[in-house]
Protein backbone atom coordinates (compact mmCIF):
# COMPACT_ATOMS: atom_id res chain seq x y z
CA MET A 1 0.00 0.00 0.00
CA PRO A 2 1.59 3.30 -1.05
CA TYR A 3 2.26 5.69 1.82
CA VAL A 4 2.12 9.39 0.96
CA GLU A 5 3.59 12.16 3.05
CA GLU A 6 2.87 15.73 1.97
CA MET A 7 3.41 19.15 3.52
CA ASP A 8 0.30 21.18 4.29
CA GLU A 9 1.85 24.65 4.07
CA LYS A 10 -1.44 26.52 4.63
CA GLY A 11 -2.53 24.55 7.69
CA GLU A 12 -5.74 23.26 6.11
CA VAL A 13 -5.77 20.04 8.16
CA PHE A 14 -4.31 20.95 11.56
CA ARG A 15 -4.74 24.78 11.41
CA LYS A 16 -0.95 25.14 11.20
CA PRO A 17 1.63 23.94 8.67
CA ASP A 18 2.36 20.26 9.23
CA LYS A 19 3.11 17.00 7.43
CA ILE A 20 0.12 14.97 6.28
CA ASP A 21 0.38 11.20 5.90
CA LEU A 22 -2.05 9.00 4.00
CA ASP A 23 -2.29 5.44 2.78
CA LEU A 24 -3.45 5.14 -0.82
CA ILE A 25 -4.83 2.11 -2.58
CA ILE A 26 -4.80 2.33 -6.37
CA LYS A 27 -5.98 -0.59 -8.45
CA ASP A 28 -7.41 -0.67 -11.96
CA GLY A 29 -7.80 3.12 -11.94
CA VAL A 30 -9.75 3.14 -8.66
CA LEU A 31 -8.36 5.42 -5.92
CA LEU A 32 -9.04 4.73 -2.26
CA ILE A 33 -7.68 6.75 0.65
CA ALA A 34 -7.33 4.60 3.76
CA GLU A 35 -6.76 5.13 7.46
CA ILE A 36 -5.54 2.13 9.42
CA LYS A 37 -5.52 2.53 13.20
CA SER A 38 -5.61 0.27 16.24
CA SER A 39 -8.49 2.39 17.58
CA ILE A 40 -10.40 5.38 16.25
CA SER A 41 -12.29 8.24 17.85
CA GLN A 42 -14.57 10.92 16.46
CA GLY A 43 -11.61 13.33 16.37
CA ASP A 44 -9.53 10.80 14.42
CA LEU A 45 -12.32 10.41 11.87
CA SER A 46 -12.63 14.19 11.47
CA THR A 47 -8.87 14.47 10.95
CA PHE A 48 -8.96 11.68 8.35
CA LEU A 49 -11.73 13.45 6.43
CA ARG A 50 -9.73 16.72 6.43
CA LYS A 51 -6.61 14.84 5.24
CA ALA A 52 -8.58 13.23 2.42
CA ALA A 53 -10.06 16.60 1.38
CA PHE A 54 -6.57 18.15 1.45
CA TYR A 55 -5.13 15.42 -0.78
CA GLN A 56 -8.02 15.60 -3.25
CA GLY A 57 -7.75 19.39 -3.48
CA LYS A 58 -3.98 19.46 -3.82
CA HIS A 59 -3.92 16.84 -6.58
CA ASN A 60 -7.26 17.79 -8.19
CA VAL A 61 -8.55 14.22 -7.92
CA LYS A 62 -11.73 12.67 -6.59
CA THR A 63 -11.36 9.49 -4.60
CA ASP A 64 -13.67 6.61 -5.32
CA HIS A 65 -13.81 5.52 -1.66
CA LEU A 66 -12.60 6.56 1.79
CA VAL A 67 -11.79 3.53 3.97
CA VAL A 68 -11.21 3.35 7.74
CA LEU A 69 -9.93 0.07 9.16
CA SER A 70 -9.94 -0.28 12.94
CA PRO A 71 -10.78 -3.13 15.30
CA MET A 72 -11.85 -0.68 18.03
CA VAL A 73 -14.16 2.33 17.86
CA ASP A 74 -14.19 4.61 20.89
CA ALA A 75 -17.54 3.87 22.59
CA ARG A 76 -17.66 7.39 24.05
CA ASP A 77 -18.02 8.80 20.57
CA ASP A 78 -21.12 8.29 18.50
CA ILE A 79 -19.25 7.49 15.28
CA ARG A 80 -19.96 3.80 14.93
CA SER A 81 -22.82 4.39 12.50
CA ALA A 82 -20.66 6.77 10.42
CA VAL A 83 -17.76 4.33 10.33
CA LEU A 84 -19.70 1.12 9.73
């Protein structure tokens, strides 16, 4: 799985300049942006969505799918329906 690290000079993702890392899956012309974590919270999901939007805007591409893989979803956050 290709790992991409890009610099967000304008601070679009974290509100300050920082490196952005993403996992990309490209097969037969289909682009997926993936987040693989041991656990995920609502904040993690929001960050992932901002990272994906940053990548799509910077490269002028539209992803076919956004994928989050995690065996544990933080029960304190009501994101299970959004993630599943």
